[in-house]
Structure formats: C-alpha cells, structure tokens
mmCIF file of all heavy atoms, coordinates in Angstrom:
data_MODEL
# 
_entry.id   MODEL 
# 
loop_
_atom_site.group_PDB 
_atom_site.id 
_atom_site.type_symbol 
_atom_site.label_atom_id 
_atom_site.label_alt_id 
_atom_site.label_comp_id 
_atom_site.label_asym_id 
_atom_site.label_entity_id 
_atom_site.label_seq_id 
_atom_site.pdbx_PDB_ins_code 
_atom_site.Cartn_x 
_atom_site.Cartn_y 
_atom_site.Cartn_z 
_atom_site.occupancy 
_atom_site.B_iso_or_equiv 
_atom_site.pdbx_formal_charge 
_atom_site.auth_seq_id 
_atom_site.auth_comp_id 
_atom_site.auth_asym_id 
_atom_site.auth_atom_id 
_atom_site.pdbx_PDB_model_num 
ATOM 1   N N   . GLY A 1 1  ? 66.270 -1.478  61.302 1.00 0.00 ? 1  GLY A N   1 
ATOM 2   C CA  . GLY A 1 1  ? 65.064 -1.652  62.105 1.00 0.00 ? 1  GLY A CA  1 
ATOM 3   C C   . GLY A 1 1  ? 65.359 -2.322  63.430 1.00 0.00 ? 1  GLY A C   1 
ATOM 4   O O   . GLY A 1 1  ? 64.950 -1.840  64.495 1.00 0.00 ? 1  GLY A O   1 
ATOM 5   N N   . ASN A 1 2  ? 66.075 -3.430  63.385 1.00 0.00 ? 2  ASN A N   1 
ATOM 6   C CA  . ASN A 1 2  ? 66.404 -4.134  64.629 1.00 0.00 ? 2  ASN A CA  1 
ATOM 7   C C   . ASN A 1 2  ? 67.475 -3.386  65.429 1.00 0.00 ? 2  ASN A C   1 
ATOM 8   O O   . ASN A 1 2  ? 67.443 -3.383  66.660 1.00 0.00 ? 2  ASN A O   1 
ATOM 9   C CB  . ASN A 1 2  ? 66.811 -5.573  64.343 1.00 0.00 ? 2  ASN A CB  1 
ATOM 10  C CG  . ASN A 1 2  ? 65.617 -6.430  63.963 1.00 0.00 ? 2  ASN A CG  1 
ATOM 11  O OD1 . ASN A 1 2  ? 64.473 -6.134  64.318 1.00 0.00 ? 2  ASN A OD1 1 
ATOM 12  N ND2 . ASN A 1 2  ? 65.865 -7.508  63.232 1.00 0.00 ? 2  ASN A ND2 1 
ATOM 13  N N   . LEU A 1 3  ? 68.407 -2.728  64.736 1.00 0.00 ? 3  LEU A N   1 
ATOM 14  C CA  . LEU A 1 3  ? 69.422 -1.941  65.440 1.00 0.00 ? 3  LEU A CA  1 
ATOM 15  C C   . LEU A 1 3  ? 68.785 -0.768  66.187 1.00 0.00 ? 3  LEU A C   1 
ATOM 16  O O   . LEU A 1 3  ? 69.203 -0.441  67.305 1.00 0.00 ? 3  LEU A O   1 
ATOM 17  C CB  . LEU A 1 3  ? 70.490 -1.436  64.464 1.00 0.00 ? 3  LEU A CB  1 
ATOM 18  C CG  . LEU A 1 3  ? 71.611 -0.584  65.065 1.00 0.00 ? 3  LEU A CG  1 
ATOM 19  C CD1 . LEU A 1 3  ? 72.373 -1.352  66.140 1.00 0.00 ? 3  LEU A CD1 1 
ATOM 20  C CD2 . LEU A 1 3  ? 72.551 -0.104  63.969 1.00 0.00 ? 3  LEU A CD2 1 
ATOM 21  N N   . THR A 1 4  ? 67.779 -0.158  65.598 1.00 0.00 ? 4  THR A N   1 
ATOM 22  C CA  . THR A 1 4  ? 67.079 0.936   66.275 1.00 0.00 ? 4  THR A CA  1 
ATOM 23  C C   . THR A 1 4  ? 66.536 0.458   67.615 1.00 0.00 ? 4  THR A C   1 
ATOM 24  O O   . THR A 1 4  ? 66.672 1.151   68.637 1.00 0.00 ? 4  THR A O   1 
ATOM 25  C CB  . THR A 1 4  ? 65.943 1.486   65.392 1.00 0.00 ? 4  THR A CB  1 
ATOM 26  O OG1 . THR A 1 4  ? 66.505 1.994   64.173 1.00 0.00 ? 4  THR A OG1 1 
ATOM 27  C CG2 . THR A 1 4  ? 65.172 2.591   66.094 1.00 0.00 ? 4  THR A CG2 1 
ATOM 28  N N   . ASP A 1 5  ? 65.937 -0.726  67.633 1.00 0.00 ? 5  ASP A N   1 
ATOM 29  C CA  . ASP A 1 5  ? 65.454 -1.287  68.898 1.00 0.00 ? 5  ASP A CA  1 
ATOM 30  C C   . ASP A 1 5  ? 66.602 -1.480  69.883 1.00 0.00 ? 5  ASP A C   1 
ATOM 31  O O   . ASP A 1 5  ? 66.477 -1.171  71.068 1.00 0.00 ? 5  ASP A O   1 
ATOM 32  C CB  . ASP A 1 5  ? 64.768 -2.639  68.673 1.00 0.00 ? 5  ASP A CB  1 
ATOM 33  C CG  . ASP A 1 5  ? 63.388 -2.508  68.060 1.00 0.00 ? 5  ASP A CG  1 
ATOM 34  O OD1 . ASP A 1 5  ? 62.986 -1.379  67.702 1.00 0.00 ? 5  ASP A OD1 1 
ATOM 35  O OD2 . ASP A 1 5  ? 62.710 -3.534  67.932 1.00 0.00 ? 5  ASP A OD2 1 
ATOM 36  N N   . ARG A 1 6  ? 67.709 -1.988  69.411 1.00 0.00 ? 6  ARG A N   1 
ATOM 37  C CA  . ARG A 1 6  ? 68.845 -2.254  70.300 1.00 0.00 ? 6  ARG A CA  1 
ATOM 38  C C   . ARG A 1 6  ? 69.421 -0.956  70.876 1.00 0.00 ? 6  ARG A C   1 
ATOM 39  O O   . ARG A 1 6  ? 69.972 -0.945  71.961 1.00 0.00 ? 6  ARG A O   1 
ATOM 40  C CB  . ARG A 1 6  ? 69.924 -3.026  69.567 1.00 0.00 ? 6  ARG A CB  1 
ATOM 41  C CG  . ARG A 1 6  ? 69.412 -4.393  69.105 1.00 0.00 ? 6  ARG A CG  1 
ATOM 42  C CD  . ARG A 1 6  ? 70.507 -5.406  69.040 1.00 0.00 ? 6  ARG A CD  1 
ATOM 43  N NE  . ARG A 1 6  ? 70.025 -6.663  68.485 1.00 0.00 ? 6  ARG A NE  1 
ATOM 44  C CZ  . ARG A 1 6  ? 69.434 -7.613  69.201 1.00 0.00 ? 6  ARG A CZ  1 
ATOM 45  N NH1 . ARG A 1 6  ? 69.225 -7.439  70.486 1.00 0.00 ? 6  ARG A NH1 1 
ATOM 46  N NH2 . ARG A 1 6  ? 69.039 -8.732  68.627 1.00 0.00 ? 6  ARG A NH2 1 
ATOM 47  N N   . ILE A 1 7  ? 69.249 0.140   70.140 1.00 0.00 ? 7  ILE A N   1 
ATOM 48  C CA  . ILE A 1 7  ? 69.769 1.431   70.607 1.00 0.00 ? 7  ILE A CA  1 
ATOM 49  C C   . ILE A 1 7  ? 68.791 2.126   71.551 1.00 0.00 ? 7  ILE A C   1 
ATOM 50  O O   . ILE A 1 7  ? 69.204 2.658   72.585 1.00 0.00 ? 7  ILE A O   1 
ATOM 51  C CB  . ILE A 1 7  ? 70.098 2.340   69.395 1.00 0.00 ? 7  ILE A CB  1 
ATOM 52  C CG1 . ILE A 1 7  ? 71.309 1.777   68.650 1.00 0.00 ? 7  ILE A CG1 1 
ATOM 53  C CG2 . ILE A 1 7  ? 70.343 3.783   69.837 1.00 0.00 ? 7  ILE A CG2 1 
ATOM 54  C CD1 . ILE A 1 7  ? 71.616 2.472   67.339 1.00 0.00 ? 7  ILE A CD1 1 
ATOM 55  N N   . VAL A 1 8  ? 67.503 2.126   71.230 1.00 0.00 ? 8  VAL A N   1 
ATOM 56  C CA  . VAL A 1 8  ? 66.562 2.972   71.980 1.00 0.00 ? 8  VAL A CA  1 
ATOM 57  C C   . VAL A 1 8  ? 65.695 2.243   73.000 1.00 0.00 ? 8  VAL A C   1 
ATOM 58  O O   . VAL A 1 8  ? 65.080 2.884   73.838 1.00 0.00 ? 8  VAL A O   1 
ATOM 59  C CB  . VAL A 1 8  ? 65.642 3.762   71.018 1.00 0.00 ? 8  VAL A CB  1 
ATOM 60  C CG1 . VAL A 1 8  ? 66.452 4.609   70.053 1.00 0.00 ? 8  VAL A CG1 1 
ATOM 61  C CG2 . VAL A 1 8  ? 64.698 2.847   70.255 1.00 0.00 ? 8  VAL A CG2 1 
ATOM 62  N N   . ARG A 1 9  ? 65.623 0.939   72.959 1.00 0.00 ? 9  ARG A N   1 
ATOM 63  C CA  . ARG A 1 9  ? 64.714 0.218   73.865 1.00 0.00 ? 9  ARG A CA  1 
ATOM 64  C C   . ARG A 1 9  ? 65.452 -0.273  75.109 1.00 0.00 ? 9  ARG A C   1 
ATOM 65  O O   . ARG A 1 9  ? 66.673 -0.334  75.160 1.00 0.00 ? 9  ARG A O   1 
ATOM 66  C CB  . ARG A 1 9  ? 64.055 -0.939  73.135 1.00 0.00 ? 9  ARG A CB  1 
ATOM 67  C CG  . ARG A 1 9  ? 63.169 -0.440  71.990 1.00 0.00 ? 9  ARG A CG  1 
ATOM 68  C CD  . ARG A 1 9  ? 62.174 -1.461  71.555 1.00 0.00 ? 9  ARG A CD  1 
ATOM 69  N NE  . ARG A 1 9  ? 61.425 -1.005  70.417 1.00 0.00 ? 9  ARG A NE  1 
ATOM 70  C CZ  . ARG A 1 9  ? 60.304 -0.286  70.479 1.00 0.00 ? 9  ARG A CZ  1 
ATOM 71  N NH1 . ARG A 1 9  ? 59.810 0.042   71.653 1.00 0.00 ? 9  ARG A NH1 1 
ATOM 72  N NH2 . ARG A 1 9  ? 59.680 0.088   69.380 1.00 0.00 ? 9  ARG A NH2 1 
ATOM 73  N N   . GLU A 1 10 ? 64.659 -0.666  76.104 1.00 0.00 ? 10 GLU A N   1 
ATOM 74  C CA  . GLU A 1 10 ? 65.176 -1.209  77.357 1.00 0.00 ? 10 GLU A CA  1 
ATOM 75  C C   . GLU A 1 10 ? 65.887 -2.525  77.078 1.00 0.00 ? 10 GLU A C   1 
ATOM 76  O O   . GLU A 1 10 ? 65.500 -3.237  76.175 1.00 0.00 ? 10 GLU A O   1 
ATOM 77  C CB  . GLU A 1 10 ? 64.031 -1.434  78.351 1.00 0.00 ? 10 GLU A CB  1 
ATOM 78  C CG  . GLU A 1 10 ? 63.353 -0.164  78.813 1.00 0.00 ? 10 GLU A CG  1 
ATOM 79  C CD  . GLU A 1 10 ? 64.260 0.723   79.636 1.00 0.00 ? 10 GLU A CD  1 
ATOM 80  O OE1 . GLU A 1 10 ? 65.114 0.171   80.367 1.00 0.00 ? 10 GLU A OE1 1 
ATOM 81  O OE2 . GLU A 1 10 ? 64.137 1.939   79.541 1.00 0.00 ? 10 GLU A OE2 1 
ATOM 82  N N   . PRO A 1 11 ? 66.955 -2.858  77.790 1.00 0.00 ? 11 PRO A N   1 
ATOM 83  C CA  . PRO A 1 11 ? 67.386 -2.231  79.027 1.00 0.00 ? 11 PRO A CA  1 
ATOM 84  C C   . PRO A 1 11 ? 68.378 -1.088  78.849 1.00 0.00 ? 11 PRO A C   1 
ATOM 85  O O   . PRO A 1 11 ? 68.774 -0.485  79.831 1.00 0.00 ? 11 PRO A O   1 
ATOM 86  C CB  . PRO A 1 11 ? 68.018 -3.382  79.803 1.00 0.00 ? 11 PRO A CB  1 
ATOM 87  C CG  . PRO A 1 11 ? 68.537 -4.299  78.774 1.00 0.00 ? 11 PRO A CG  1 
ATOM 88  C CD  . PRO A 1 11 ? 67.589 -4.167  77.606 1.00 0.00 ? 11 PRO A CD  1 
ATOM 89  N N   . GLY A 1 12 ? 68.801 -0.764  77.621 1.00 0.00 ? 12 GLY A N   1 
ATOM 90  C CA  . GLY A 1 12 ? 69.692 0.373   77.462 1.00 0.00 ? 12 GLY A CA  1 
ATOM 91  C C   . GLY A 1 12 ? 70.406 0.363   76.123 1.00 0.00 ? 12 GLY A C   1 
ATOM 92  O O   . GLY A 1 12 ? 70.271 -0.563  75.314 1.00 0.00 ? 12 GLY A O   1 
ATOM 93  N N   . PHE A 1 13 ? 71.182 1.416   75.910 1.00 0.00 ? 13 PHE A N   1 
ATOM 94  C CA  . PHE A 1 13 ? 71.896 1.640   74.657 1.00 0.00 ? 13 PHE A CA  1 
ATOM 95  C C   . PHE A 1 13 ? 72.732 0.427   74.250 1.00 0.00 ? 13 PHE A C   1 
ATOM 96  O O   . PHE A 1 13 ? 73.520 -0.083  75.042 1.00 0.00 ? 13 PHE A O   1 
ATOM 97  C CB  . PHE A 1 13 ? 72.795 2.874   74.799 1.00 0.00 ? 13 PHE A CB  1 
ATOM 98  C CG  . PHE A 1 13 ? 73.551 3.219   73.550 1.00 0.00 ? 13 PHE A CG  1 
ATOM 99  C CD1 . PHE A 1 13 ? 72.911 3.830   72.493 1.00 0.00 ? 13 PHE A CD1 1 
ATOM 100 C CD2 . PHE A 1 13 ? 74.890 2.924   73.439 1.00 0.00 ? 13 PHE A CD2 1 
ATOM 101 C CE1 . PHE A 1 13 ? 73.606 4.156   71.335 1.00 0.00 ? 13 PHE A CE1 1 
ATOM 102 C CE2 . PHE A 1 13 ? 75.600 3.244   72.292 1.00 0.00 ? 13 PHE A CE2 1 
ATOM 103 C CZ  . PHE A 1 13 ? 74.951 3.858   71.225 1.00 0.00 ? 13 PHE A CZ  1 
ATOM 104 N N   . MET A 1 14 ? 72.513 -0.049  73.036 1.00 0.00 ? 14 MET A N   1 
ATOM 105 C CA  . MET A 1 14 ? 73.197 -1.203  72.422 1.00 0.00 ? 14 MET A CA  1 
ATOM 106 C C   . MET A 1 14 ? 72.870 -2.521  73.133 1.00 0.00 ? 14 MET A C   1 
ATOM 107 O O   . MET A 1 14 ? 73.414 -3.560  72.794 1.00 0.00 ? 14 MET A O   1 
ATOM 108 C CB  . MET A 1 14 ? 74.716 -0.998  72.366 1.00 0.00 ? 14 MET A CB  1 
ATOM 109 C CG  . MET A 1 14 ? 75.152 0.190   71.520 1.00 0.00 ? 14 MET A CG  1 
ATOM 110 S SD  . MET A 1 14 ? 74.752 0.026   69.775 1.00 0.00 ? 14 MET A SD  1 
ATOM 111 C CE  . MET A 1 14 ? 76.157 -0.892  69.200 1.00 0.00 ? 14 MET A CE  1 
ATOM 112 N N   . ARG A 1 15 ? 71.992 -2.481  74.124 1.00 0.00 ? 15 ARG A N   1 
ATOM 113 C CA  . ARG A 1 15 ? 71.575 -3.690  74.838 1.00 0.00 ? 15 ARG A CA  1 
ATOM 114 C C   . ARG A 1 15 ? 70.065 -3.889  74.754 1.00 0.00 ? 15 ARG A C   1 
ATOM 115 O O   . ARG A 1 15 ? 69.515 -4.799  75.351 1.00 0.00 ? 15 ARG A O   1 
ATOM 116 C CB  . ARG A 1 15 ? 71.996 -3.613  76.312 1.00 0.00 ? 15 ARG A CB  1 
ATOM 117 C CG  . ARG A 1 15 ? 73.494 -3.595  76.511 1.00 0.00 ? 15 ARG A CG  1 
ATOM 118 C CD  . ARG A 1 15 ? 73.899 -3.460  77.974 1.00 0.00 ? 15 ARG A CD  1 
ATOM 119 N NE  . ARG A 1 15 ? 73.474 -2.178  78.540 1.00 0.00 ? 15 ARG A NE  1 
ATOM 120 C CZ  . ARG A 1 15 ? 72.585 -2.052  79.528 1.00 0.00 ? 15 ARG A CZ  1 
ATOM 121 N NH1 . ARG A 1 15 ? 72.037 -3.100  80.094 1.00 0.00 ? 15 ARG A NH1 1 
ATOM 122 N NH2 . ARG A 1 15 ? 72.244 -0.859  79.974 1.00 0.00 ? 15 ARG A NH2 1 
ATOM 123 N N   . GLY A 1 16 ? 69.387 -2.995  74.016 1.00 0.00 ? 16 GLY A N   1 
ATOM 124 C CA  . GLY A 1 16 ? 67.938 -3.044  73.933 1.00 0.00 ? 16 GLY A CA  1 
ATOM 125 C C   . GLY A 1 16 ? 67.425 -4.323  73.290 1.00 0.00 ? 16 GLY A C   1 
ATOM 126 O O   . GLY A 1 16 ? 68.099 -4.941  72.468 1.00 0.00 ? 16 GLY A O   1 
ATOM 127 N N   . HIS A 1 17 ? 66.233 -4.691  73.687 1.00 0.00 ? 17 HIS A N   1 
ATOM 128 C CA  . HIS A 1 17 ? 65.607 -5.911  73.168 1.00 0.00 ? 17 HIS A CA  1 
ATOM 129 C C   . HIS A 1 17 ? 64.737 -5.574  71.965 1.00 0.00 ? 17 HIS A C   1 
ATOM 130 O O   . HIS A 1 17 ? 63.995 -4.587  71.978 1.00 0.00 ? 17 HIS A O   1 
ATOM 131 C CB  . HIS A 1 17 ? 64.783 -6.585  74.256 1.00 0.00 ? 17 HIS A CB  1 
ATOM 132 C CG  . HIS A 1 17 ? 65.601 -7.044  75.414 1.00 0.00 ? 17 HIS A CG  1 
ATOM 133 N ND1 . HIS A 1 17 ? 65.047 -7.626  76.523 1.00 0.00 ? 17 HIS A ND1 1 
ATOM 134 C CD2 . HIS A 1 17 ? 66.945 -7.020  75.642 1.00 0.00 ? 17 HIS A CD2 1 
ATOM 135 C CE1 . HIS A 1 17 ? 66.007 -7.944  77.385 1.00 0.00 ? 17 HIS A CE1 1 
ATOM 136 N NE2 . HIS A 1 17 ? 67.159 -7.571  76.874 1.00 0.00 ? 17 HIS A NE2 1 
ATOM 137 N N   . VAL A 1 18 ? 64.821 -6.394  70.950 1.00 0.00 ? 18 VAL A N   1 
ATOM 138 C CA  . VAL A 1 18 ? 64.068 -6.204  69.709 1.00 0.00 ? 18 VAL A CA  1 
ATOM 139 C C   . VAL A 1 18 ? 62.611 -6.611  69.941 1.00 0.00 ? 18 VAL A C   1 
ATOM 140 O O   . VAL A 1 18 ? 62.335 -7.653  70.531 1.00 0.00 ? 18 VAL A O   1 
ATOM 141 C CB  . VAL A 1 18 ? 64.694 -7.033  68.565 1.00 0.00 ? 18 VAL A CB  1 
ATOM 142 C CG1 . VAL A 1 18 ? 63.835 -6.982  67.313 1.00 0.00 ? 18 VAL A CG1 1 
ATOM 143 C CG2 . VAL A 1 18 ? 66.108 -6.537  68.269 1.00 0.00 ? 18 VAL A CG2 1 
ATOM 144 N N   . VAL A 1 19 ? 61.701 -5.777  69.449 1.00 0.00 ? 19 VAL A N   1 
ATOM 145 C CA  . VAL A 1 19 ? 60.272 -6.067  69.547 1.00 0.00 ? 19 VAL A CA  1 
ATOM 146 C C   . VAL A 1 19 ? 59.881 -7.008  68.404 1.00 0.00 ? 19 VAL A C   1 
ATOM 147 O O   . VAL A 1 19 ? 60.109 -6.708  67.237 1.00 0.00 ? 19 VAL A O   1 
ATOM 148 C CB  . VAL A 1 19 ? 59.433 -4.771  69.463 1.00 0.00 ? 19 VAL A CB  1 
ATOM 149 C CG1 . VAL A 1 19 ? 57.949 -5.082  69.370 1.00 0.00 ? 19 VAL A CG1 1 
ATOM 150 C CG2 . VAL A 1 19 ? 59.728 -3.877  70.653 1.00 0.00 ? 19 VAL A CG2 1 
ATOM 151 N N   . ASP A 1 20 ? 59.307 -8.149  68.757 1.00 0.00 ? 20 ASP A N   1 
ATOM 152 C CA  . ASP A 1 20 ? 58.758 -9.103  67.792 1.00 0.00 ? 20 ASP A CA  1 
ATOM 153 C C   . ASP A 1 20 ? 57.276 -9.249  68.088 1.00 0.00 ? 20 ASP A C   1 
ATOM 154 O O   . ASP A 1 20 ? 56.868 -9.230  69.258 1.00 0.00 ? 20 ASP A O   1 
ATOM 155 C CB  . ASP A 1 20 ? 59.450 -10.469 67.912 1.00 0.00 ? 20 ASP A CB  1 
ATOM 156 C CG  . ASP A 1 20 ? 60.887 -10.447 67.434 1.00 0.00 ? 20 ASP A CG  1 
ATOM 157 O OD1 . ASP A 1 20 ? 61.194 -9.696  66.493 1.00 0.00 ? 20 ASP A OD1 1 
ATOM 158 O OD2 . ASP A 1 20 ? 61.709 -11.197 67.992 1.00 0.00 ? 20 ASP A OD2 1 
ATOM 159 N N   . PHE A 1 21 ? 56.454 -9.420  67.050 1.00 0.00 ? 21 PHE A N   1 
ATOM 160 C CA  . PHE A 1 21 ? 55.016 -9.502  67.301 1.00 0.00 ? 21 PHE A CA  1 
ATOM 161 C C   . PHE A 1 21 ? 54.243 -10.290 66.245 1.00 0.00 ? 21 PHE A C   1 
ATOM 162 O O   . PHE A 1 21 ? 53.053 -10.546 66.415 1.00 0.00 ? 21 PHE A O   1 
ATOM 163 C CB  . PHE A 1 21 ? 54.405 -8.101  67.420 1.00 0.00 ? 21 PHE A CB  1 
ATOM 164 C CG  . PHE A 1 21 ? 54.554 -7.300  66.160 1.00 0.00 ? 21 PHE A CG  1 
ATOM 165 C CD1 . PHE A 1 21 ? 53.533 -7.271  65.222 1.00 0.00 ? 21 PHE A CD1 1 
ATOM 166 C CD2 . PHE A 1 21 ? 55.709 -6.605  65.902 1.00 0.00 ? 21 PHE A CD2 1 
ATOM 167 C CE1 . PHE A 1 21 ? 53.676 -6.548  64.049 1.00 0.00 ? 21 PHE A CE1 1 
ATOM 168 C CE2 . PHE A 1 21 ? 55.868 -5.887  64.733 1.00 0.00 ? 21 PHE A CE2 1 
ATOM 169 C CZ  . PHE A 1 21 ? 54.843 -5.852  63.801 1.00 0.00 ? 21 PHE A CZ  1 
ATOM 170 N N   . LEU A 1 22 ? 54.862 -10.673 65.154 1.00 0.00 ? 22 LEU A N   1 
ATOM 171 C CA  . LEU A 1 22 ? 54.196 -11.458 64.113 1.00 0.00 ? 22 LEU A CA  1 
ATOM 172 C C   . LEU A 1 22 ? 54.456 -12.933 64.382 1.00 0.00 ? 22 LEU A C   1 
ATOM 173 O O   . LEU A 1 22 ? 55.613 -13.342 64.529 1.00 0.00 ? 22 LEU A O   1 
ATOM 174 C CB  . LEU A 1 22 ? 54.716 -11.071 62.724 1.00 0.00 ? 22 LEU A CB  1 
ATOM 175 C CG  . LEU A 1 22 ? 54.552 -9.597  62.349 1.00 0.00 ? 22 LEU A CG  1 
ATOM 176 C CD1 . LEU A 1 22 ? 55.321 -9.284  61.070 1.00 0.00 ? 22 LEU A CD1 1 
ATOM 177 C CD2 . LEU A 1 22 ? 53.087 -9.239  62.204 1.00 0.00 ? 22 LEU A CD2 1 
ATOM 178 N N   . HIS A 1 23 ? 53.399 -13.730 64.438 1.00 0.00 ? 23 HIS A N   1 
ATOM 179 C CA  . HIS A 1 23 ? 53.580 -15.131 64.798 1.00 0.00 ? 23 HIS A CA  1 
ATOM 180 C C   . HIS A 1 23 ? 52.811 -16.055 63.856 1.00 0.00 ? 23 HIS A C   1 
ATOM 181 O O   . HIS A 1 23 ? 51.581 -16.090 63.871 1.00 0.00 ? 23 HIS A O   1 
ATOM 182 C CB  . HIS A 1 23 ? 53.136 -15.365 66.239 1.00 0.00 ? 23 HIS A CB  1 
ATOM 183 C CG  . HIS A 1 23 ? 53.454 -16.726 66.739 1.00 0.00 ? 23 HIS A CG  1 
ATOM 184 N ND1 . HIS A 1 23 ? 52.716 -17.370 67.687 1.00 0.00 ? 23 HIS A ND1 1 
ATOM 185 C CD2 . HIS A 1 23 ? 54.460 -17.594 66.416 1.00 0.00 ? 23 HIS A CD2 1 
ATOM 186 C CE1 . HIS A 1 23 ? 53.239 -18.566 67.927 1.00 0.00 ? 23 HIS A CE1 1 
ATOM 187 N NE2 . HIS A 1 23 ? 54.282 -18.716 67.163 1.00 0.00 ? 23 HIS A NE2 1 
ATOM 188 N N   . LEU A 1 24 ? 53.563 -16.767 63.049 1.00 0.00 ? 24 LEU A N   1 
ATOM 189 C CA  . LEU A 1 24 ? 53.008 -17.876 62.269 1.00 0.00 ? 24 LEU A CA  1 
ATOM 190 C C   . LEU A 1 24 ? 53.142 -19.116 63.136 1.00 0.00 ? 24 LEU A C   1 
ATOM 191 O O   . LEU A 1 24 ? 54.220 -19.372 63.678 1.00 0.00 ? 24 LEU A O   1 
ATOM 192 C CB  . LEU A 1 24 ? 53.780 -18.076 60.959 1.00 0.00 ? 24 LEU A CB  1 
ATOM 193 C CG  . LEU A 1 24 ? 53.615 -16.985 59.914 1.00 0.00 ? 24 LEU A CG  1 
ATOM 194 C CD1 . LEU A 1 24 ? 54.641 -17.162 58.799 1.00 0.00 ? 24 LEU A CD1 1 
ATOM 195 C CD2 . LEU A 1 24 ? 52.210 -17.006 59.347 1.00 0.00 ? 24 LEU A CD2 1 
ATOM 196 N N   . ASN A 1 25 ? 52.060 -19.851 63.278 1.00 0.00 ? 25 ASN A N   1 
ATOM 197 C CA  . ASN A 1 25 ? 52.133 -21.048 64.125 1.00 0.00 ? 25 ASN A CA  1 
ATOM 198 C C   . ASN A 1 25 ? 53.269 -21.948 63.663 1.00 0.00 ? 25 ASN A C   1 
ATOM 199 O O   . ASN A 1 25 ? 53.547 -22.042 62.467 1.00 0.00 ? 25 ASN A O   1 
ATOM 200 C CB  . ASN A 1 25 ? 50.809 -21.809 64.093 1.00 0.00 ? 25 ASN A CB  1 
ATOM 201 C CG  . ASN A 1 25 ? 49.764 -21.099 64.923 1.00 0.00 ? 25 ASN A CG  1 
ATOM 202 O OD1 . ASN A 1 25 ? 49.970 -19.978 65.386 1.00 0.00 ? 25 ASN A OD1 1 
ATOM 203 N ND2 . ASN A 1 25 ? 48.646 -21.751 65.120 1.00 0.00 ? 25 ASN A ND2 1 
ATOM 204 N N   . HIS A 1 26 ? 53.938 -22.578 64.591 1.00 0.00 ? 26 HIS A N   1 
ATOM 205 C CA  . HIS A 1 26 ? 55.082 -23.467 64.330 1.00 0.00 ? 26 HIS A CA  1 
ATOM 206 C C   . HIS A 1 26 ? 56.285 -22.690 63.803 1.00 0.00 ? 26 HIS A C   1 
ATOM 207 O O   . HIS A 1 26 ? 57.129 -23.253 63.122 1.00 0.00 ? 26 HIS A O   1 
ATOM 208 C CB  . HIS A 1 26 ? 54.703 -24.605 63.380 1.00 0.00 ? 26 HIS A CB  1 
ATOM 209 C CG  . HIS A 1 26 ? 53.457 -25.321 63.783 1.00 0.00 ? 26 HIS A CG  1 
ATOM 210 N ND1 . HIS A 1 26 ? 53.365 -26.031 64.948 1.00 0.00 ? 26 HIS A ND1 1 
ATOM 211 C CD2 . HIS A 1 26 ? 52.235 -25.404 63.198 1.00 0.00 ? 26 HIS A CD2 1 
ATOM 212 C CE1 . HIS A 1 26 ? 52.149 -26.537 65.068 1.00 0.00 ? 26 HIS A CE1 1 
ATOM 213 N NE2 . HIS A 1 26 ? 51.444 -26.173 64.027 1.00 0.00 ? 26 HIS A NE2 1 
ATOM 214 N N   . TRP A 1 27 ? 56.353 -21.393 64.101 1.00 0.00 ? 27 TRP A N   1 
ATOM 215 C CA  . TRP A 1 27 ? 57.501 -20.580 63.713 1.00 0.00 ? 27 TRP A CA  1 
ATOM 216 C C   . TRP A 1 27 ? 57.723 -19.545 64.813 1.00 0.00 ? 27 TRP A C   1 
ATOM 217 O O   . TRP A 1 27 ? 56.762 -19.055 65.398 1.00 0.00 ? 27 TRP A O   1 
ATOM 218 C CB  . TRP A 1 27 ? 57.226 -19.879 62.372 1.00 0.00 ? 27 TRP A CB  1 
ATOM 219 C CG  . TRP A 1 27 ? 58.451 -19.312 61.743 1.00 0.00 ? 27 TRP A CG  1 
ATOM 220 C CD1 . TRP A 1 27 ? 58.829 -18.004 61.718 1.00 0.00 ? 27 TRP A CD1 1 
ATOM 221 C CD2 . TRP A 1 27 ? 59.481 -20.028 61.064 1.00 0.00 ? 27 TRP A CD2 1 
ATOM 222 N NE1 . TRP A 1 27 ? 60.027 -17.863 61.070 1.00 0.00 ? 27 TRP A NE1 1 
ATOM 223 C CE2 . TRP A 1 27 ? 60.451 -19.096 60.646 1.00 0.00 ? 27 TRP A CE2 1 
ATOM 224 C CE3 . TRP A 1 27 ? 59.694 -21.379 60.769 1.00 0.00 ? 27 TRP A CE3 1 
ATOM 225 C CZ2 . TRP A 1 27 ? 61.596 -19.465 59.965 1.00 0.00 ? 27 TRP A CZ2 1 
ATOM 226 C CZ3 . TRP A 1 27 ? 60.844 -21.732 60.083 1.00 0.00 ? 27 TRP A CZ3 1 
ATOM 227 C CH2 . TRP A 1 27 ? 61.767 -20.782 59.681 1.00 0.00 ? 27 TRP A CH2 1 
ATOM 228 N N   . PRO A 1 28 ? 58.961 -19.171 65.100 1.00 0.00 ? 28 PRO A N   1 
ATOM 229 C CA  . PRO A 1 28 ? 59.199 -18.158 66.135 1.00 0.00 ? 28 PRO A CA  1 
ATOM 230 C C   . PRO A 1 28 ? 58.563 -16.811 65.763 1.00 0.00 ? 28 PRO A C   1 
ATOM 231 O O   . PRO A 1 28 ? 58.364 -16.499 64.592 1.00 0.00 ? 28 PRO A O   1 
ATOM 232 C CB  . PRO A 1 28 ? 60.724 -18.040 66.164 1.00 0.00 ? 28 PRO A CB  1 
ATOM 233 C CG  . PRO A 1 28 ? 61.209 -19.341 65.614 1.00 0.00 ? 28 PRO A CG  1 
ATOM 234 C CD  . PRO A 1 28 ? 60.193 -19.738 64.576 1.00 0.00 ? 28 PRO A CD  1 
ATOM 235 N N   . VAL A 1 29 ? 58.303 -15.999 66.759 1.00 0.00 ? 29 VAL A N   1 
ATOM 236 C CA  . VAL A 1 29 ? 57.735 -14.665 66.564 1.00 0.00 ? 29 VAL A CA  1 
ATOM 237 C C   . VAL A 1 29 ? 58.794 -13.782 65.893 1.00 0.00 ? 29 VAL A C   1 
ATOM 238 O O   . VAL A 1 29 ? 59.982 -13.867 66.206 1.00 0.00 ? 29 VAL A O   1 
ATOM 239 C CB  . VAL A 1 29 ? 57.280 -14.080 67.919 1.00 0.00 ? 29 VAL A CB  1 
ATOM 240 C CG1 . VAL A 1 29 ? 56.624 -12.725 67.743 1.00 0.00 ? 29 VAL A CG1 1 
ATOM 241 C CG2 . VAL A 1 29 ? 56.335 -15.045 68.630 1.00 0.00 ? 29 VAL A CG2 1 
# 
C-alpha cells in the first residue's frame, strides 16, 4: 500500500509521498 504511493505519486517514481489521512488526536496522521 505505501510502496504503491512511493511508485505512482508525486514527486516521482520511488520518491512519491505516502498519503496519510487518519488522525487520532495526540498521534501522527
């Protein structure tokens, strides 16, 4: 799942940024 982001997302192949969106307060997204 996270590797897919690194392959297909910006800024480019194997450098892509992972999408995070779930946030429990007092915990990282």
